[in-house]
PDB file of N, CA and C in Angstrom:
ATOM      1  N   VAL A   1     -42.852 -13.403-142.712  1.00  0.00           N
ATOM      2  CA  VAL A   1     -42.312 -12.786-141.366  1.00  0.00           C
ATOM      3  C   VAL A   1     -41.211 -14.066-140.828  1.00  0.00           C
ATOM      4  N   GLN A   2     -39.892 -13.299-140.429  1.00  0.00           N
ATOM      5  CA  GLN A   2     -38.887 -13.993-139.882  1.00  0.00           C
ATOM      6  C   GLN A   2     -38.134 -12.971-138.679  1.00  0.00           C
ATOM      7  N   LEU A   3     -38.109 -13.489-137.515  1.00  0.00           N
ATOM      8  CA  LEU A   3     -37.001 -13.105-136.729  1.00  0.00           C
ATOM      9  C   LEU A   3     -36.203 -14.141-136.369  1.00  0.00           C
ATOM     10  N   GLN A   4     -34.903 -13.514-136.726  1.00  0.00           N
ATOM     11  CA  GLN A   4     -33.762 -14.395-136.705  1.00  0.00           C
ATOM     12  C   GLN A   4     -32.726 -14.230-135.569  1.00  0.00           C
ATOM     13  N   ALA A   5     -32.634 -14.687-134.229  1.00  0.00           N
ATOM     14  CA  ALA A   5     -32.278 -14.409-133.271  1.00  0.00           C
ATOM     15  C   ALA A   5     -30.631 -15.070-133.295  1.00  0.00           C
ATOM     16  N   SER A   6     -29.686 -14.464-133.117  1.00  0.00           N
ATOM     17  CA  SER A   6     -28.177 -14.922-132.880  1.00  0.00           C
ATOM     18  C   SER A   6     -27.560 -14.432-131.718  1.00  0.00           C
ATOM     19  N   GLY A   7     -26.302 -15.131-131.301  1.00  0.00           N
ATOM     20  CA  GLY A   7     -25.278 -14.598-130.487  1.00  0.00           C
ATOM     21  C   GLY A   7     -25.041 -15.293-129.341  1.00  0.00           C
ATOM     22  N   GLY A   8     -26.047 -15.769-129.186  1.00  0.00           N
ATOM     23  CA  GLY A   8     -26.143 -16.943-127.740  1.00  0.00           C
ATOM     24  C   GLY A   8     -24.581 -17.748-128.029  1.00  0.00           C
ATOM     25  N   GLY A   9     -24.428 -18.372-126.651  1.00  0.00           N
ATOM     26  CA  GLY A   9     -23.358 -19.370-126.688  1.00  0.00           C
ATOM     27  C   GLY A   9     -23.166 -19.514-125.096  1.00  0.00           C
ATOM     28  N   LEU A  10     -21.780 -20.340-124.870  1.00  0.00           N
ATOM     29  CA  LEU A  10     -21.368 -20.078-123.460  1.00  0.00           C
ATOM     30  C   LEU A  10     -20.320 -19.373-123.176  1.00  0.00           C
ATOM     31  N   VAL A  11     -20.419 -18.912-121.798  1.00  0.00           N
ATOM     32  CA  VAL A  11     -19.592 -17.836-121.580  1.00  0.00           C
ATOM     33  C   VAL A  11     -19.530 -18.037-120.040  1.00  0.00           C
ATOM     34  N   GLN A  12     -18.530 -17.548-119.708  1.00  0.00           N
ATOM     35  CA  GLN A  12     -18.043 -17.581-117.985  1.00  0.00           C
ATOM     36  C   GLN A  12     -18.820 -16.595-117.056  1.00  0.00           C
ATOM     37  N   ALA A  13     -19.230 -16.939-115.965  1.00  0.00           N
ATOM     38  CA  ALA A  13     -19.904 -15.776-115.189  1.00  0.00           C
ATOM     39  C   ALA A  13     -18.955 -14.613-115.168  1.00  0.00           C
ATOM     40  N   GLY A  14     -19.905 -13.589-115.235  1.00  0.00           N
ATOM     41  CA  GLY A  14     -18.850 -12.173-115.301  1.00  0.00           C
ATOM     42  C   GLY A  14     -18.614 -11.738-116.736  1.00  0.00           C
ATOM     43  N   GLY A  15     -18.881 -12.622-117.654  1.00  0.00           N
ATOM     44  CA  GLY A  15     -18.645 -12.035-118.990  1.00  0.00           C
ATOM     45  C   GLY A  15     -19.861 -11.552-119.470  1.00  0.00           C
ATOM     46  N   SER A  16     -19.268 -11.415-120.675  1.00  0.00           N
ATOM     47  CA  SER A  16     -20.364 -10.633-121.950  1.00  0.00           C
ATOM     48  C   SER A  16     -21.077 -11.170-122.921  1.00  0.00           C
ATOM     49  N   LEU A  17     -22.149 -11.104-123.773  1.00  0.00           N
ATOM     50  CA  LEU A  17     -22.497 -11.605-124.822  1.00  0.00           C
ATOM     51  C   LEU A  17     -23.462 -10.549-125.585  1.00  0.00           C
ATOM     52  N   ARG A  18     -23.517 -10.251-126.721  1.00  0.00           N
ATOM     53  CA  ARG A  18     -24.226  -9.577-127.449  1.00  0.00           C
ATOM     54  C   ARG A  18     -25.239 -10.236-128.420  1.00  0.00           C
ATOM     55  N   LEU A  19     -26.564 -10.477-128.216  1.00  0.00           N
ATOM     56  CA  LEU A  19     -27.664 -11.202-128.954  1.00  0.00           C
ATOM     57  C   LEU A  19     -28.072  -9.974-129.947  1.00  0.00           C
ATOM     58  N   SER A  20     -28.193 -10.441-131.179  1.00  0.00           N
ATOM     59  CA  SER A  20     -29.202  -9.950-132.429  1.00  0.00           C
ATOM     60  C   SER A  20     -30.318 -10.726-132.598  1.00  0.00           C
ATOM     61  N   CYS A  21     -31.139  -9.679-133.042  1.00  0.00           N
ATOM     62  CA  CYS A  21     -32.595 -10.304-133.675  1.00  0.00           C
ATOM     63  C   CYS A  21     -32.739  -9.549-135.065  1.00  0.00           C
ATOM     64  N   ALA A  22     -32.515 -10.199-136.377  1.00  0.00           N
ATOM     65  CA  ALA A  22     -32.630  -9.759-137.631  1.00  0.00           C
ATOM     66  C   ALA A  22     -34.163 -10.067-137.853  1.00  0.00           C
ATOM     67  N   ALA A  23     -34.997  -8.864-138.164  1.00  0.00           N
ATOM     68  CA  ALA A  23     -36.310  -9.047-138.690  1.00  0.00           C
ATOM     69  C   ALA A  23     -36.331  -8.791-140.100  1.00  0.00           C
ATOM     70  N   SER A  24     -37.208  -9.797-140.767  1.00  0.00           N
ATOM     71  CA  SER A  24     -37.460  -9.584-142.341  1.00  0.00           C
ATOM     72  C   SER A  24     -39.198  -9.829-142.395  1.00  0.00           C
ATOM     73  N   GLY A  25     -39.922  -9.070-143.415  1.00  0.00           N
ATOM     74  CA  GLY A  25     -41.451  -9.496-143.618  1.00  0.00           C
ATOM     75  C   GLY A  25     -42.076  -8.683-142.868  1.00  0.00           C
ATOM     76  N   ILE A  26     -41.537  -7.616-141.935  1.00  0.00           N
ATOM     77  CA  ILE A  26     -42.251  -6.625-141.154  1.00  0.00           C
ATOM     78  C   ILE A  26     -41.595  -5.259-141.469  1.00  0.00           C
ATOM     79  N   GLY A  27     -42.633  -4.339-141.288  1.00  0.00           N
ATOM     80  CA  GLY A  27     -42.138  -3.179-140.953  1.00  0.00           C
ATOM     81  C   GLY A  27     -41.736  -2.594-139.541  1.00  0.00           C
ATOM     82  N   PHE A  28     -40.315  -2.907-139.614  1.00  0.00           N
ATOM     83  CA  PHE A  28     -39.660  -3.282-138.279  1.00  0.00           C
ATOM     84  C   PHE A  28     -39.750  -1.918-137.334  1.00  0.00           C
ATOM     85  N   SER A  29     -39.801  -0.539-137.950  1.00  0.00           N
ATOM     86  CA  SER A  29     -39.699   0.323-137.222  1.00  0.00           C
ATOM     87  C   SER A  29     -40.909   0.526-136.362  1.00  0.00           C
ATOM     88  N   ILE A  30     -42.051   0.459-136.826  1.00  0.00           N
ATOM     89  CA  ILE A  30     -43.346   0.300-136.303  1.00  0.00           C
ATOM     90  C   ILE A  30     -43.788  -0.386-134.861  1.00  0.00           C
ATOM     91  N   TYR A  31     -42.846  -1.324-134.786  1.00  0.00           N
ATOM     92  CA  TYR A  31     -43.082  -2.346-134.006  1.00  0.00           C
ATOM     93  C   TYR A  31     -42.588  -2.248-132.726  1.00  0.00           C
ATOM     94  N   ASP A  32     -42.888  -2.722-131.533  1.00  0.00           N
ATOM     95  CA  ASP A  32     -42.524  -2.617-130.385  1.00  0.00           C
ATOM     96  C   ASP A  32     -41.770  -4.004-130.428  1.00  0.00           C
ATOM     97  N   MET A  33     -40.253  -4.045-129.662  1.00  0.00           N
ATOM     98  CA  MET A  33     -39.479  -5.151-129.864  1.00  0.00           C
ATOM     99  C   MET A  33     -39.227  -5.481-128.529  1.00  0.00           C
ATOM    100  N   SER A  34     -38.754  -6.742-128.106  1.00  0.00           N
ATOM    101  CA  SER A  34     -38.937  -7.283-126.747  1.00  0.00           C
ATOM    102  C   SER A  34     -37.708  -8.508-126.711  1.00  0.00           C
ATOM    103  N   TRP A  35     -37.175  -8.669-125.391  1.00  0.00           N
ATOM    104  CA  TRP A  35     -36.551  -9.893-125.467  1.00  0.00           C
ATOM    105  C   TRP A  35     -36.939 -10.717-124.375  1.00  0.00           C
ATOM    106  N   TYR A  36     -37.530 -11.923-124.565  1.00  0.00           N
ATOM    107  CA  TYR A  36     -37.789 -12.759-123.344  1.00  0.00           C
ATOM    108  C   TYR A  36     -36.848 -13.854-123.341  1.00  0.00           C
ATOM    109  N   ARG A  37     -36.951 -14.575-122.209  1.00  0.00           N
ATOM    110  CA  ARG A  37     -35.942 -16.052-122.000  1.00  0.00           C
ATOM    111  C   ARG A  37     -36.839 -16.928-121.359  1.00  0.00           C
ATOM    112  N   GLN A  38     -36.276 -18.080-121.471  1.00  0.00           N
ATOM    113  CA  GLN A  38     -36.917 -19.416-120.803  1.00  0.00           C
ATOM    114  C   GLN A  38     -35.880 -20.186-120.269  1.00  0.00           C
ATOM    115  N   ALA A  39     -35.722 -20.442-118.884  1.00  0.00           N
ATOM    116  CA  ALA A  39     -34.822 -21.090-118.316  1.00  0.00           C
ATOM    117  C   ALA A  39     -35.314 -22.469-118.232  1.00  0.00           C
ATOM    118  N   PRO A  40     -34.598 -23.791-118.117  1.00  0.00           N
ATOM    119  CA  PRO A  40     -35.113 -24.778-118.002  1.00  0.00           C
ATOM    120  C   PRO A  40     -36.125 -25.256-116.860  1.00  0.00           C
ATOM    121  N   GLY A  41     -37.531 -25.360-117.190  1.00  0.00           N
ATOM    122  CA  GLY A  41     -38.118 -25.700-116.157  1.00  0.00           C
ATOM    123  C   GLY A  41     -39.091 -24.352-115.556  1.00  0.00           C
ATOM    124  N   LYS A  42     -38.695 -23.074-116.248  1.00  0.00           N
ATOM    125  CA  LYS A  42     -39.395 -22.066-115.781  1.00  0.00           C
ATOM    126  C   LYS A  42     -40.443 -21.390-117.031  1.00  0.00           C
ATOM    127  N   GLN A  43     -41.040 -20.660-116.538  1.00  0.00           N
ATOM    128  CA  GLN A  43     -42.024 -19.484-117.648  1.00  0.00           C
ATOM    129  C   GLN A  43     -41.164 -18.901-118.294  1.00  0.00           C
ATOM    130  N   ARG A  44     -41.382 -18.555-119.404  1.00  0.00           N
ATOM    131  CA  ARG A  44     -40.757 -17.435-120.140  1.00  0.00           C
ATOM    132  C   ARG A  44     -41.199 -16.206-119.490  1.00  0.00           C
ATOM    133  N   GLU A  45     -39.997 -15.257-119.369  1.00  0.00           N
ATOM    134  CA  GLU A  45     -40.295 -14.248-118.821  1.00  0.00           C
ATOM    135  C   GLU A  45     -39.708 -13.035-119.578  1.00  0.00           C
ATOM    136  N   LEU A  46     -40.149 -11.588-119.641  1.00  0.00           N
ATOM    137  CA  LEU A  46     -39.629 -10.665-120.211  1.00  0.00           C
ATOM    138  C   LEU A  46     -38.386 -10.118-119.204  1.00  0.00           C
ATOM    139  N   VAL A  47     -37.439  -9.938-120.764  1.00  0.00           N
ATOM    140  CA  VAL A  47     -36.184  -9.595-120.199  1.00  0.00           C
ATOM    141  C   VAL A  47     -36.155  -7.894-120.320  1.00  0.00           C
ATOM    142  N   ALA A  48     -36.144  -7.545-121.603  1.00  0.00           N
ATOM    143  CA  ALA A  48     -36.343  -6.007-121.917  1.00  0.00           C
ATOM    144  C   ALA A  48     -37.281  -5.744-123.153  1.00  0.00           C
ATOM    145  N   GLY A  49     -37.803  -4.581-123.036  1.00  0.00           N
ATOM    146  CA  GLY A  49     -38.516  -4.198-124.408  1.00  0.00           C
ATOM    147  C   GLY A  49     -38.044  -2.754-124.713  1.00  0.00           C
ATOM    148  N   ILE A  50     -38.297  -2.396-126.120  1.00  0.00           N
ATOM    149  CA  ILE A  50     -38.097  -1.376-126.614  1.00  0.00           C
ATOM    150  C   ILE A  50     -39.364  -0.952-127.311  1.00  0.00           C
ATOM    151  N   THR A  51     -39.658   0.302-127.158  1.00  0.00           N
ATOM    152  CA  THR A  51     -40.952   0.327-128.169  1.00  0.00           C
ATOM    153  C   THR A  51     -40.625   1.168-129.298  1.00  0.00           C
ATOM    154  N   SER A  52     -41.231   1.212-130.227  1.00  0.00           N
ATOM    155  CA  SER A  52     -41.174   1.825-131.245  1.00  0.00           C
ATOM    156  C   SER A  52     -40.531   3.271-131.456  1.00  0.00           C
ATOM    157  N   GLY A  53     -40.637   4.038-130.455  1.00  0.00           N
ATOM    158  CA  GLY A  53     -40.500   5.089-130.511  1.00  0.00           C
ATOM    159  C   GLY A  53     -38.798   5.095-129.447  1.00  0.00           C
ATOM    160  N   GLY A  54     -38.195   3.928-129.339  1.00  0.00           N
ATOM    161  CA  GLY A  54     -37.166   3.853-128.630  1.00  0.00           C
ATOM    162  C   GLY A  54     -36.945   4.098-127.044  1.00  0.00           C
ATOM    163  N   VAL A  55     -38.169   4.103-126.272  1.00  0.00           N
ATOM    164  CA  VAL A  55     -38.412   3.772-124.757  1.00  0.00           C
ATOM    165  C   VAL A  55     -38.184   2.325-124.527  1.00  0.00           C
ATOM    166  N   SER A  56     -37.093   2.418-123.653  1.00  0.00           N
ATOM    167  CA  SER A  56     -36.871   0.642-122.772  1.00  0.00           C
ATOM    168  C   SER A  56     -37.202   0.731-121.691  1.00  0.00           C
ATOM    169  N   ASN A  57     -37.214  -0.636-121.212  1.00  0.00           N
ATOM    170  CA  ASN A  57     -37.694  -1.018-119.939  1.00  0.00           C
ATOM    171  C   ASN A  57     -37.100  -2.377-119.810  1.00  0.00           C
ATOM    172  N   TYR A  58     -36.753  -2.959-118.385  1.00  0.00           N
ATOM    173  CA  TYR A  58     -36.128  -4.055-117.803  1.00  0.00           C
ATOM    174  C   TYR A  58     -36.444  -4.581-116.720  1.00  0.00           C
ATOM    175  N   ALA A  59     -36.199  -5.743-117.101  1.00  0.00           N
ATOM    176  CA  ALA A  59     -36.358  -6.700-115.715  1.00  0.00           C
ATOM    177  C   ALA A  59     -35.831  -6.244-114.741  1.00  0.00           C
ATOM    178  N   ASP A  60     -36.119  -6.125-113.439  1.00  0.00           N
ATOM    179  CA  ASP A  60     -35.415  -6.116-112.238  1.00  0.00           C
ATOM    180  C   ASP A  60     -34.058  -6.784-112.431  1.00  0.00           C
ATOM    181  N   SER A  61     -34.083  -7.905-112.849  1.00  0.00           N
ATOM    182  CA  SER A  61     -33.104  -8.861-112.231  1.00  0.00           C
ATOM    183  C   SER A  61     -31.765  -8.557-113.144  1.00  0.00           C
ATOM    184  N   VAL A  62     -32.318  -7.714-114.263  1.00  0.00           N
ATOM    185  CA  VAL A  62     -31.211  -7.424-115.404  1.00  0.00           C
ATOM    186  C   VAL A  62     -30.941  -5.902-115.931  1.00  0.00           C
ATOM    187  N   LYS A  63     -31.419  -5.108-114.508  1.00  0.00           N
ATOM    188  CA  LYS A  63     -31.314  -3.524-114.899  1.00  0.00           C
ATOM    189  C   LYS A  63     -29.852  -3.534-114.430  1.00  0.00           C
ATOM    190  N   ALA A  64     -29.077  -2.416-115.252  1.00  0.00           N
ATOM    191  CA  ALA A  64     -27.770  -2.181-115.105  1.00  0.00           C
ATOM    192  C   ALA A  64     -26.797  -3.121-115.556  1.00  0.00           C
ATOM    193  N   ARG A  65     -27.479  -4.093-116.089  1.00  0.00           N
ATOM    194  CA  ARG A  65     -26.314  -5.304-116.809  1.00  0.00           C
ATOM    195  C   ARG A  65     -26.717  -5.312-118.237  1.00  0.00           C
ATOM    196  N   PHE A  66     -27.973  -5.333-118.383  1.00  0.00           N
ATOM    197  CA  PHE A  66     -28.265  -5.275-119.926  1.00  0.00           C
ATOM    198  C   PHE A  66     -28.753  -4.281-120.365  1.00  0.00           C
ATOM    199  N   THR A  67     -28.604  -4.055-121.989  1.00  0.00           N
ATOM    200  CA  THR A  67     -28.820  -2.842-122.695  1.00  0.00           C
ATOM    201  C   THR A  67     -29.375  -3.106-123.917  1.00  0.00           C
ATOM    202  N   ILE A  68     -30.794  -2.858-124.338  1.00  0.00           N
ATOM    203  CA  ILE A  68     -31.525  -3.086-125.347  1.00  0.00           C
ATOM    204  C   ILE A  68     -31.621  -2.024-126.261  1.00  0.00           C
ATOM    205  N   SER A  69     -31.187  -2.527-127.419  1.00  0.00           N
ATOM    206  CA  SER A  69     -31.462  -1.088-128.129  1.00  0.00           C
ATOM    207  C   SER A  69     -31.640  -1.734-130.038  1.00  0.00           C
ATOM    208  N   ARG A  70     -32.013  -0.892-130.646  1.00  0.00           N
ATOM    209  CA  ARG A  70     -32.342  -1.481-132.200  1.00  0.00           C
ATOM    210  C   ARG A  70     -32.079  -0.366-133.462  1.00  0.00           C
ATOM    211  N   ASN A  71     -31.596  -0.793-134.523  1.00  0.00           N
ATOM    212  CA  ASN A  71     -31.087  -0.014-135.252  1.00  0.00           C
ATOM    213  C   ASN A  71     -32.302  -0.230-136.485  1.00  0.00           C
ATOM    214  N   ASN A  72     -33.181   0.728-136.797  1.00  0.00           N
ATOM    215  CA  ASN A  72     -34.426   0.402-137.640  1.00  0.00           C
ATOM    216  C   ASN A  72     -33.804   0.213-139.009  1.00  0.00           C
ATOM    217  N   ALA A  73     -32.863   1.040-139.264  1.00  0.00           N
ATOM    218  CA  ALA A  73     -32.381   0.980-140.863  1.00  0.00           C
ATOM    219  C   ALA A  73     -31.588  -0.301-141.169  1.00  0.00           C
ATOM    220  N   LYS A  74     -31.282  -1.360-139.925  1.00  0.00           N
ATOM    221  CA  LYS A  74     -30.956  -2.787-140.576  1.00  0.00           C
ATOM    222  C   LYS A  74     -31.860  -3.378-139.897  1.00  0.00           C
ATOM    223  N   ASN A  75     -33.015  -3.155-139.629  1.00  0.00           N
ATOM    224  CA  ASN A  75     -33.966  -4.285-139.114  1.00  0.00           C
ATOM    225  C   ASN A  75     -33.604  -5.136-138.035  1.00  0.00           C
ATOM    226  N   THR A  76     -32.968  -4.740-137.196  1.00  0.00           N
ATOM    227  CA  THR A  76     -32.255  -5.611-136.093  1.00  0.00           C
ATOM    228  C   THR A  76     -32.437  -4.939-134.692  1.00  0.00           C
ATOM    229  N   LEU A  77     -32.623  -6.024-133.585  1.00  0.00           N
ATOM    230  CA  LEU A  77     -32.678  -5.545-132.435  1.00  0.00           C
ATOM    231  C   LEU A  77     -31.241  -6.102-131.812  1.00  0.00           C
ATOM    232  N   TYR A  78     -31.361  -5.663-130.635  1.00  0.00           N
ATOM    233  CA  TYR A  78     -29.811  -6.258-129.922  1.00  0.00           C
ATOM    234  C   TYR A  78     -30.271  -6.363-128.558  1.00  0.00           C
ATOM    235  N   LEU A  79     -29.463  -7.076-127.699  1.00  0.00           N
ATOM    236  CA  LEU A  79     -29.454  -7.020-126.668  1.00  0.00           C
ATOM    237  C   LEU A  79     -27.826  -7.216-125.755  1.00  0.00           C
ATOM    238  N   GLN A  80     -27.438  -6.081-125.353  1.00  0.00           N
ATOM    239  CA  GLN A  80     -25.980  -6.361-124.407  1.00  0.00           C
ATOM    240  C   GLN A  80     -26.209  -6.932-123.426  1.00  0.00           C
ATOM    241  N   MET A  81     -25.873  -7.746-123.038  1.00  0.00           N
ATOM    242  CA  MET A  81     -25.578  -8.511-121.647  1.00  0.00           C
ATOM    243  C   MET A  81     -24.000  -8.456-121.492  1.00  0.00           C
ATOM    244  N   ASN A  82     -23.878  -7.875-119.983  1.00  0.00           N
ATOM    245  CA  ASN A  82     -22.736  -7.846-119.358  1.00  0.00           C
ATOM    246  C   ASN A  82     -23.178  -8.561-117.693  1.00  0.00           C
ATOM    247  N   SER A  83     -22.041  -8.591-117.263  1.00  0.00           N
ATOM    248  CA  SER A  83     -21.776  -9.371-116.121  1.00  0.00           C
ATOM    249  C   SER A  83     -22.985 -10.307-115.899  1.00  0.00           C
ATOM    250  N   LEU A  84     -23.006 -11.577-116.813  1.00  0.00           N
ATOM    251  CA  LEU A  84     -23.548 -12.601-116.854  1.00  0.00           C
ATOM    252  C   LEU A  84     -23.282 -13.447-115.696  1.00  0.00           C
ATOM    253  N   ASN A  85     -24.398 -13.911-115.096  1.00  0.00           N
ATOM    254  CA  ASN A  85     -24.295 -15.173-114.186  1.00  0.00           C
ATOM    255  C   ASN A  85     -24.953 -16.198-114.356  1.00  0.00           C
ATOM    256  N   PRO A  86     -24.976 -17.264-113.758  1.00  0.00           N
ATOM    257  CA  PRO A  86     -25.418 -18.701-114.039  1.00  0.00           C
ATOM    258  C   PRO A  86     -27.136 -18.428-114.133  1.00  0.00           C
ATOM    259  N   GLU A  87     -27.653 -17.490-113.222  1.00  0.00           N
ATOM    260  CA  GLU A  87     -29.155 -17.482-113.622  1.00  0.00           C
ATOM    261  C   GLU A  87     -29.414 -16.829-114.678  1.00  0.00           C
ATOM    262  N   ASP A  88     -28.627 -16.352-115.279  1.00  0.00           N
ATOM    263  CA  ASP A  88     -28.969 -15.612-116.703  1.00  0.00           C
ATOM    264  C   ASP A  88     -29.013 -16.625-117.939  1.00  0.00           C
ATOM    265  N   THR A  89     -28.934 -18.298-117.644  1.00  0.00           N
ATOM    266  CA  THR A  89     -28.727 -19.222-118.356  1.00  0.00           C
ATOM    267  C   THR A  89     -30.212 -19.505-118.834  1.00  0.00           C
ATOM    268  N   ALA A  90     -30.820 -19.368-120.207  1.00  0.00           N
ATOM    269  CA  ALA A  90     -31.940 -19.192-120.921  1.00  0.00           C
ATOM    270  C   ALA A  90     -31.485 -19.538-122.324  1.00  0.00           C
ATOM    271  N   VAL A  91     -32.805 -19.912-123.026  1.00  0.00           N
ATOM    272  CA  VAL A  91     -33.037 -19.791-124.375  1.00  0.00           C
ATOM    273  C   VAL A  91     -33.659 -18.224-124.396  1.00  0.00           C
ATOM    274  N   TYR A  92     -33.075 -17.351-125.001  1.00  0.00           N
ATOM    275  CA  TYR A  92     -33.744 -16.033-125.553  1.00  0.00           C
ATOM    276  C   TYR A  92     -34.286 -15.650-126.726  1.00  0.00           C
ATOM    277  N   TYR A  93     -35.604 -15.262-126.106  1.00  0.00           N
ATOM    278  CA  TYR A  93     -36.073 -15.230-127.654  1.00  0.00           C
ATOM    279  C   TYR A  93     -36.517 -13.735-128.182  1.00  0.00           C
ATOM    280  N   CYS A  94     -36.641 -13.296-129.087  1.00  0.00           N
ATOM    281  CA  CYS A  94     -36.967 -11.773-129.581  1.00  0.00           C
ATOM    282  C   CYS A  94     -38.055 -11.815-129.841  1.00  0.00           C
ATOM    283  N   ASN A  95     -39.157 -10.553-130.090  1.00  0.00           N
ATOM    284  CA  ASN A  95     -40.547 -10.731-130.009  1.00  0.00           C
ATOM    285  C   ASN A  95     -40.713  -9.481-130.769  1.00  0.00           C
ATOM    286  N   ALA A  96     -41.765  -9.238-131.473  1.00  0.00           N
ATOM    287  CA  ALA A  96     -42.097  -8.146-132.202  1.00  0.00           C
ATOM    288  C   ALA A  96     -43.930  -7.857-132.069  1.00  0.00           C
ATOM    289  N   VAL A  97     -44.109  -6.888-131.519  1.00  0.00           N
ATOM    290  CA  VAL A  97     -45.460  -6.487-131.599  1.00  0.00           C
ATOM    291  C   VAL A  97     -46.072  -5.424-132.286  1.00  0.00           C
ATOM    292  N   TYR A  98     -47.037  -5.238-132.826  1.00  0.00           N
ATOM    293  CA  TYR A  98     -47.686  -4.074-133.466  1.00  0.00           C
ATOM    294  C   TYR A  98     -49.122  -4.101-133.047  1.00  0.00           C
ATOM    295  N   SER A  99     -49.696  -3.110-132.429  1.00  0.00           N
ATOM    296  CA  SER A  99     -51.190  -3.391-131.748  1.00  0.00           C
ATOM    297  C   SER A  99     -51.873  -2.305-132.529  1.00  0.00           C
ATOM    298  N   GLY A 100     -52.381  -2.941-133.921  1.00  0.00           N
ATOM    299  CA  GLY A 100     -52.907  -2.368-134.860  1.00  0.00           C
ATOM    300  C   GLY A 100     -54.189  -2.614-134.617  1.00  0.00           C
ATOM    301  N   TRP A 101     -55.109  -2.165-135.418  1.00  0.00           N
ATOM    302  CA  TRP A 101     -56.608  -2.164-135.302  1.00  0.00           C
ATOM    303  C   TRP A 101     -57.149  -2.587-136.643  1.00  0.00           C
ATOM    304  N   PRO A 102     -57.991  -3.452-136.671  1.00  0.00           N
ATOM    305  CA  PRO A 102     -58.598  -4.053-135.458  1.00  0.00           C
ATOM    306  C   PRO A 102     -57.600  -5.377-135.321  1.00  0.00           C
ATOM    307  N   LYS A 103     -56.462  -5.514-135.709  1.00  0.00           N
ATOM    308  CA  LYS A 103     -55.515  -6.760-135.636  1.00  0.00           C
ATOM    309  C   LYS A 103     -54.230  -6.601-134.590  1.00  0.00           C
ATOM    310  N   LYS A 104     -53.911  -6.953-133.741  1.00  0.00           N
ATOM    311  CA  LYS A 104     -52.626  -6.994-133.437  1.00  0.00           C
ATOM    312  C   LYS A 104     -51.849  -8.039-133.664  1.00  0.00           C
ATOM    313  N   TYR A 105     -50.539  -7.678-134.319  1.00  0.00           N
ATOM    314  CA  TYR A 105     -49.661  -8.575-135.068  1.00  0.00           C
ATOM    315  C   TYR A 105     -48.329  -8.767-133.813  1.00  0.00           C
ATOM    316  N   ASP A 106     -48.023 -10.170-133.376  1.00  0.00           N
ATOM    317  CA  ASP A 106     -47.619 -10.496-132.736  1.00  0.00           C
ATOM    318  C   ASP A 106     -46.559 -11.592-133.339  1.00  0.00           C
ATOM    319  N   TYR A 107     -45.166 -11.517-133.672  1.00  0.00           N
ATOM    320  CA  TYR A 107     -44.413 -12.753-133.685  1.00  0.00           C
ATOM    321  C   TYR A 107     -43.285 -12.727-132.651  1.00  0.00           C
ATOM    322  N   TRP A 108     -42.955 -14.270-133.152  1.00  0.00           N
ATOM    323  CA  TRP A 108     -41.826 -14.822-131.845  1.00  0.00           C
ATOM    324  C   TRP A 108     -40.483 -15.287-132.925  1.00  0.00           C
ATOM    325  N   GLY A 109     -39.371 -14.980-132.615  1.00  0.00           N
ATOM    326  CA  GLY A 109     -38.206 -15.563-133.093  1.00  0.00           C
ATOM    327  C   GLY A 109     -38.091 -17.140-132.744  1.00  0.00           C
ATOM    328  N   GLN A 110     -37.045 -17.645-132.872  1.00  0.00           N
ATOM    329  CA  GLN A 110     -36.633 -19.024-132.903  1.00  0.00           C
ATOM    330  C   GLN A 110     -36.003 -19.335-131.659  1.00  0.00           C
ATOM    331  N   GLY A 111     -35.309 -18.428-131.306  1.00  0.00           N
ATOM    332  CA  GLY A 111     -34.655 -18.430-129.667  1.00  0.00           C
ATOM    333  C   GLY A 111     -32.881 -18.752-129.915  1.00  0.00           C
ATOM    334  N   THR A 112     -32.093 -18.462-129.033  1.00  0.00           N
ATOM    335  CA  THR A 112     -30.981 -18.512-129.331  1.00  0.00           C
ATOM    336  C   THR A 112     -30.531 -19.007-127.513  1.00  0.00           C
ATOM    337  N   LEU A 113     -29.763 -20.198-127.594  1.00  0.00           N
ATOM    338  CA  LEU A 113     -29.237 -20.446-126.146  1.00  0.00           C
ATOM    339  C   LEU A 113     -28.213 -19.917-125.533  1.00  0.00           C
ATOM    340  N   VAL A 114     -27.859 -19.013-124.467  1.00  0.00           N
ATOM    341  CA  VAL A 114     -27.275 -18.538-123.614  1.00  0.00           C
ATOM    342  C   VAL A 114     -26.937 -19.396-122.308  1.00  0.00           C
ATOM    343  N   THR A 115     -25.792 -19.769-122.365  1.00  0.00           N
ATOM    344  CA  THR A 115     -25.451 -20.581-120.965  1.00  0.00           C
ATOM    345  C   THR A 115     -24.229 -19.968-120.344  1.00  0.00           C
ATOM    346  N   VAL A 116     -24.075 -19.673-119.248  1.00  0.00           N
ATOM    347  CA  VAL A 116     -23.575 -19.225-118.238  1.00  0.00           C
ATOM    348  C   VAL A 116     -23.088 -19.877-117.301  1.00  0.00           C
ATOM    349  N   SER A 117     -21.599 -20.391-117.247  1.00  0.00           N
ATOM    350  CA  SER A 117     -21.139 -21.270-116.533  1.00  0.00           C
ATOM    351  C   SER A 117     -20.464 -20.537-115.305  1.00  0.00           C
ATOM    352  N   SER A 118     -20.449 -21.360-114.113  1.00  0.00           N
ATOM    353  CA  SER A 118     -19.957 -20.463-112.593  1.00  0.00           C
ATOM    354  C   SER A 118     -18.530 -20.909-112.827  1.00  0.00           C
TER     355      SER A 118
END
C-alpha cells in the first residue's frame, strides 16, 4: 500500500497550491480519505475529509479557502488550497480509512511540506 503525497512547496501569503495524493495497493473508491497537517511543535490536525460517497467536511480554519476532491478513476485525492497564510505552514499528510469488519484499515502517506511566507 502506498499513498504518495505531492504538490507542496514554498508560496507567498495569498497564494495557492494544489496537493495530490496518489494511492496504490488499495481499493481507493471505498476508502474515506482525508488530509491532515502538522505544524512544527503542534499536534497533527484534520484539515479536510471526503467520504467514499463524496461527502466532504473541513476544519473551521480552512473553510471557504480549501477544497478537497477525489478522482476514483485515477486513485487520487486532491486538496486545492487558496488564500494561503503563514498559519497554513505545515507538513500535509493524506490518510485513507476503510472501516471494515472485523478489521479497520488505516493508511498514511509520507507527507508533503507546505511553507507560506509572509
